[in-house]
Amino acid sequence: MKLWYQSLARQAETLDYGADLKKVISLAVEPGTTVHVQGLKEAAGIGAHFRFLEYHDTKEVIYNAIQAEKEGYDAFLIGNITDAGMREARELVNIPVLGLSETSLHIASIMGANFGLVAIAEKWIPRLIENVDRYGLRQKLSGIEVMETSPLDLRKAFRDDARRKDVMARFTTAAEKLAANGAEVIIPAGGEVGVFVIEAGVFELGRSPIVNGIFELIKMGEMAVKLRTLTGRFTSKRFAYAPPTGEFLKRIREHYGPDVYPEPGAPKP
């Protein structure tokens, strides 16, 4: 099984974050599963919580989903809490496409009656609420607490133990506030924080599970591939993710190239 893990960090595969991310992913995969970690190469990849920056990142994510299917990957995983490009990629390709946010929120909903989110900074709060609403889970949102850090500070923490300890302390403080206010499951809303949480071996706070998202995304990716192999189906191609057909599809390919909306292939046994 081959999984493509798409980061929204610039050249994530060569950063300190990328090295730690690969180590964390290696702890989650089953024998026979390989994971390709891909960062952004054309877009800046410096702040998807700003809509202008996410807009520029998203196009590359979508086209990488097409490339992943073309190269024989079994699933495309978007490792960013925005789930940038997830809906577009699901419409475009036939392999399963999963996002860090949607996966984390739904698994947290299975683990407990409600969940709380630890945001990196205040700017993230509206985006997180939008995703919770999009996935129909607002009634399960217990609350959001903020760490008051930044993507740049988090990247520096991969090279500085004192900064890393500070990040974990900020996360713990925010998580404890959520738990005190009734959150049954805690979700660190960011890939970098998820890596720190796994490396620290912190999977529960009191009796509240911590869904770091990376483990969950990898395991859900494996499950999606297995289900598609077993049944021949995974993503619905009716209505929301239905591709264009006929003469309209021919016209689209004349403008955007022959690779868009590839014909469905049989899942690998």
Protein backbone atom coordinates (compact mmCIF):
# COMPACT_ATOMS: atom_id res chain seq x y z
CA MET A 1 0.00 0.00 0.00
CA LYS A 2 1.28 3.45 -0.96
CA LEU A 3 0.02 6.60 0.78
CA TRP A 4 0.81 10.19 -0.26
CA TYR A 5 0.98 12.50 2.78
CA GLN A 6 0.64 16.10 1.63
CA SER A 7 1.98 18.79 3.95
CA LEU A 8 1.31 22.50 3.42
CA ALA A 9 4.78 23.38 4.69
CA ARG A 10 7.31 24.58 2.15
CA GLN A 11 9.65 21.70 1.23
CA ALA A 12 8.44 19.79 4.30
CA GLU A 13 10.46 16.72 3.35
CA THR A 14 13.73 18.63 3.90
CA LEU A 15 12.81 20.55 7.06
CA ASP A 16 13.40 19.49 10.67
CA TYR A 17 9.63 19.20 10.88
CA GLY A 18 9.64 16.84 7.91
CA ALA A 19 12.24 14.58 9.49
CA ASP A 20 10.26 14.34 12.73
CA LEU A 21 7.01 13.91 10.81
CA LYS A 22 8.44 10.93 8.93
CA LYS A 23 9.59 9.34 12.19
CA VAL A 24 6.14 9.77 13.71
CA ILE A 25 4.43 8.36 10.61
CA SER A 26 6.74 5.33 10.67
CA LEU A 27 5.35 4.46 14.11
CA ALA A 28 1.80 4.28 12.73
CA VAL A 29 2.09 2.32 9.48
CA GLU A 30 1.40 -1.36 9.11
CA PRO A 31 3.97 -3.69 7.48
CA GLY A 32 3.78 -3.24 3.73
CA THR A 33 2.57 0.38 3.89
CA THR A 34 4.87 3.10 2.55
CA VAL A 35 4.19 6.81 2.98
CA HIS A 36 5.55 9.54 0.74
CA VAL A 37 5.72 12.90 2.55
CA GLN A 38 5.40 15.81 0.14
CA GLY A 39 5.73 19.51 0.97
CA LEU A 40 4.85 22.47 -1.21
CA LYS A 41 7.38 23.43 -3.86
CA GLU A 42 5.68 26.24 -5.77
CA ALA A 43 3.60 27.98 -3.09
CA ALA A 44 5.17 29.65 -0.06
CA GLY A 45 3.64 27.30 2.50
CA ILE A 46 3.98 29.80 5.32
CA GLY A 47 0.50 30.32 6.75
CA ALA A 48 -2.62 28.51 5.57
CA HIS A 49 -4.63 30.17 8.35
CA PHE A 50 -4.60 33.31 6.17
CA ARG A 51 -7.06 32.88 3.32
CA PHE A 52 -4.90 34.53 0.67
CA LEU A 53 -2.01 32.22 1.50
CA GLU A 54 -4.23 29.13 1.63
CA TYR A 55 -5.61 30.09 -1.79
CA HIS A 56 -2.13 29.91 -3.29
CA ASP A 57 -1.29 26.66 -1.46
CA THR A 58 -4.47 24.88 -2.45
CA LYS A 59 -3.86 24.69 -6.21
CA GLU A 60 -0.62 22.77 -5.67
CA VAL A 61 -2.34 20.39 -3.25
CA ILE A 62 -5.06 19.62 -5.80
CA TYR A 63 -2.63 18.98 -8.64
CA ASN A 64 -0.51 16.80 -6.35
CA ALA A 65 -3.59 14.63 -5.76
CA ILE A 66 -3.80 14.10 -9.52
CA GLN A 67 -0.09 13.27 -9.58
CA ALA A 68 -0.48 10.83 -6.69
CA GLU A 69 -3.17 8.86 -8.49
CA LYS A 70 -1.17 8.94 -11.73
CA GLU A 71 1.87 7.50 -9.91
CA GLY A 72 -0.12 4.65 -8.41
CA TYR A 73 -0.66 5.85 -4.85
CA ASP A 74 -3.61 4.24 -3.10
CA ALA A 75 -4.76 7.26 -1.07
CA PHE A 76 -4.04 10.98 -0.76
CA LEU A 77 -3.81 12.42 2.78
CA ILE A 78 -3.85 16.16 3.47
CA GLY A 79 -1.87 16.75 6.63
CA ASN A 80 -3.06 20.26 7.44
CA ILE A 81 -5.85 21.26 9.81
CA THR A 82 -7.47 23.41 7.10
CA ASP A 83 -8.14 20.36 4.88
CA ALA A 84 -7.13 22.67 2.02
CA GLY A 85 -8.06 21.21 -1.38
CA MET A 86 -9.78 18.15 0.07
CA ARG A 87 -13.18 18.64 -1.57
CA GLU A 88 -11.68 19.58 -4.93
CA ALA A 89 -9.35 16.58 -4.86
CA ARG A 90 -12.22 14.23 -4.03
CA GLU A 91 -14.05 15.49 -7.09
CA LEU A 92 -10.98 15.13 -9.28
CA VAL A 93 -9.49 11.75 -8.40
CA ASN A 94 -10.75 8.26 -7.73
CA ILE A 95 -8.47 7.22 -4.87
CA PRO A 96 -9.56 8.03 -1.28
CA VAL A 97 -8.76 11.59 -0.17
CA LEU A 98 -8.72 12.29 3.57
CA GLY A 99 -8.03 15.45 5.56
CA LEU A 100 -6.43 15.93 8.96
CA SER A 101 -9.28 18.04 10.33
CA GLU A 102 -12.23 15.94 9.14
CA THR A 103 -10.55 12.72 10.22
CA SER A 104 -9.60 14.05 13.67
CA LEU A 105 -13.06 15.50 14.34
CA HIS A 106 -14.95 12.37 13.39
CA ILE A 107 -12.66 10.02 15.30
CA ALA A 108 -12.90 12.29 18.35
CA SER A 109 -16.68 12.07 18.01
CA ILE A 110 -16.43 8.30 18.24
CA MET A 111 -14.13 8.42 21.25
CA GLY A 112 -16.28 10.79 23.29
CA ALA A 113 -19.57 12.65 23.42
CA ASN A 114 -17.78 15.96 22.71
CA PHE A 115 -14.34 17.36 21.91
CA GLY A 116 -12.26 20.47 22.47
CA LEU A 117 -9.70 22.02 20.12
CA VAL A 118 -6.32 23.52 21.02
CA ALA A 119 -5.64 26.24 18.44
CA ILE A 120 -2.19 27.57 17.60
CA ALA A 121 -3.34 31.19 17.64
CA GLU A 122 -6.57 33.22 17.70
CA LYS A 123 -6.49 33.64 13.90
CA TRP A 124 -7.22 29.91 13.59
CA ILE A 125 -10.46 29.98 15.61
CA PRO A 126 -12.87 31.02 12.80
CA ARG A 127 -11.34 28.46 10.44
CA LEU A 128 -11.67 25.67 12.97
CA ILE A 129 -15.30 26.54 13.68
CA GLU A 130 -16.02 26.60 9.93
CA ASN A 131 -14.68 23.06 9.58
CA VAL A 132 -16.61 21.84 12.60
CA ASP A 133 -19.79 23.30 11.05
CA ARG A 134 -18.99 21.90 7.59
CA TYR A 135 -18.70 18.41 9.02
CA GLY A 136 -21.94 18.79 10.97
CA LEU A 137 -20.35 18.50 14.41
CA ARG A 138 -21.02 21.89 16.06
CA GLN A 139 -23.16 20.26 18.75
CA LYS A 140 -20.13 18.20 19.81
CA LEU A 141 -17.72 21.14 20.06
CA SER A 142 -17.05 21.73 23.75
CA GLY A 143 -14.73 24.68 23.20
CA ILE A 144 -11.50 26.07 21.72
CA GLU A 145 -8.47 27.22 23.70
CA VAL A 146 -5.46 29.04 22.24
CA MET A 147 -1.75 28.32 22.72
CA GLU A 148 -0.69 31.80 21.53
CA THR A 149 2.18 30.69 19.34
CA SER A 150 2.83 30.83 15.59
CA PRO A 151 3.89 28.52 12.73
CA LEU A 152 7.34 30.15 12.79
CA ASP A 153 7.76 29.56 16.54
CA LEU A 154 6.68 25.95 16.09
CA ARG A 155 9.27 25.38 13.35
CA LYS A 156 11.98 26.82 15.60
CA ALA A 157 10.92 24.43 18.36
CA PHE A 158 12.09 21.48 16.25
CA ARG A 159 15.66 22.74 16.72
CA ASP A 160 15.41 24.14 20.24
CA ASP A 161 14.54 21.93 23.21
CA ALA A 162 13.63 24.91 25.40
CA ARG A 163 11.15 26.15 22.80
CA ARG A 164 9.74 22.64 22.48
CA LYS A 165 9.17 22.41 26.22
CA ASP A 166 7.45 25.79 26.10
CA VAL A 167 5.18 24.61 23.27
CA MET A 168 4.21 21.49 25.21
CA ALA A 169 3.58 23.56 28.34
CA ARG A 170 1.31 25.91 26.38
CA PHE A 171 -0.51 22.94 24.87
CA THR A 172 -0.98 21.29 28.27
CA THR A 173 -2.33 24.50 29.81
CA ALA A 174 -4.85 24.93 26.99
CA ALA A 175 -5.84 21.26 27.10
CA GLU A 176 -6.36 21.39 30.86
CA LYS A 177 -8.70 24.37 30.43
CA LEU A 178 -10.72 22.42 27.88
CA ALA A 179 -10.91 19.38 30.16
CA ALA A 180 -11.95 21.55 33.11
CA ASN A 181 -14.79 22.92 30.97
CA GLY A 182 -16.04 19.45 30.10
CA ALA A 183 -14.16 18.39 26.97
CA GLU A 184 -14.07 14.59 26.75
CA VAL A 185 -11.54 14.43 23.88
CA ILE A 186 -8.73 16.92 23.11
CA ILE A 187 -7.53 17.71 19.58
CA PRO A 188 -4.30 19.67 18.97
CA ALA A 189 -5.29 21.64 15.87
CA GLY A 190 -1.99 21.66 13.99
CA GLY A 191 0.42 19.17 12.45
CA GLU A 192 3.52 20.44 14.23
CA VAL A 193 1.87 20.28 17.65
CA GLY A 194 0.63 16.80 16.78
CA VAL A 195 4.22 15.71 16.19
CA PHE A 196 5.35 17.15 19.53
CA VAL A 197 2.50 15.42 21.35
CA ILE A 198 3.37 12.05 19.83
CA GLU A 199 7.09 12.42 20.50
CA ALA A 200 6.29 13.30 24.12
CA GLY A 201 4.13 10.16 24.35
CA VAL A 202 1.13 12.19 25.52
CA PHE A 203 -2.04 10.39 24.41
CA GLU A 204 -4.32 11.16 27.35
CA LEU A 205 -4.92 14.04 29.73
CA GLY A 206 -6.48 12.64 32.84
CA ARG A 207 -9.08 10.36 31.25
CA SER A 208 -9.52 12.45 28.10
CA PRO A 209 -7.96 10.94 24.94
CA ILE A 210 -5.77 13.26 22.88
CA VAL A 211 -6.34 12.87 19.14
CA ASN A 212 -3.10 14.13 17.61
CA GLY A 213 -4.49 13.56 14.11
CA ILE A 214 -1.38 12.22 12.37
CA PHE A 215 -1.73 8.66 13.67
CA GLU A 216 -5.46 8.83 12.99
CA LEU A 217 -4.98 10.12 9.44
CA ILE A 218 -2.51 7.37 8.57
CA LYS A 219 -4.68 4.61 10.03
CA MET A 220 -7.82 5.95 8.36
CA GLY A 221 -5.90 6.13 5.09
CA GLU A 222 -4.97 2.46 5.41
CA MET A 223 -8.55 1.56 6.27
CA ALA A 224 -9.94 3.52 3.31
CA VAL A 225 -7.61 1.71 0.92
CA LYS A 226 -8.53 -1.68 2.37
CA LEU A 227 -12.24 -0.92 2.11
CA ARG A 228 -11.86 0.20 -1.50
CA THR A 229 -9.92 -2.95 -2.30
CA LEU A 230 -12.52 -5.09 -0.57
CA THR A 231 -15.63 -3.44 -2.03
CA GLY A 232 -14.48 -1.51 -5.11
CA ARG A 233 -15.84 1.77 -3.74
CA PHE A 234 -15.05 4.52 -1.23
CA THR A 235 -15.69 8.14 -2.30
CA SER A 236 -19.23 8.87 -3.47
CA LYS A 237 -19.28 10.23 -7.01
CA ARG A 238 -22.90 11.31 -6.77
CA PHE A 239 -23.73 15.02 -6.42
CA ALA A 240 -20.99 16.68 -4.30
CA TYR A 241 -17.98 14.85 -5.77
CA ALA A 242 -19.49 13.90 -9.13
CA PRO A 243 -17.08 14.61 -12.02
CA PRO A 244 -18.13 16.12 -15.35
CA THR A 245 -18.85 13.72 -18.22
CA GLY A 246 -19.35 13.56 -21.96
CA GLU A 247 -18.73 16.58 -24.19
CA PHE A 248 -18.35 18.87 -21.18
CA LEU A 249 -15.49 16.73 -19.83
CA LYS A 250 -13.86 16.76 -23.27
CA ARG A 251 -14.03 20.55 -23.33
CA ILE A 252 -12.57 20.79 -19.81
CA ARG A 253 -9.61 18.60 -20.77
CA GLU A 254 -8.96 20.78 -23.82
CA HIS A 255 -8.45 23.72 -21.45
CA TYR A 256 -6.86 22.07 -18.41
CA GLY A 257 -5.06 19.05 -19.87
CA PRO A 258 -5.80 15.35 -20.28
CA ASP A 259 -4.94 14.43 -16.70
CA VAL A 260 -7.88 16.17 -15.01
CA TYR A 261 -10.78 13.95 -13.95
CA PRO A 262 -9.03 10.67 -14.77
CA GLU A 263 -11.15 7.65 -15.57
CA PRO A 264 -11.71 5.38 -12.56
CA GLY A 265 -9.44 2.35 -12.39
CA ALA A 266 -9.97 -0.85 -10.49
CA PRO A 267 -8.50 -0.77 -6.96
CA LYS A 268 -5.40 -2.88 -6.53
CA PRO A 269 -5.92 -6.28 -4.89
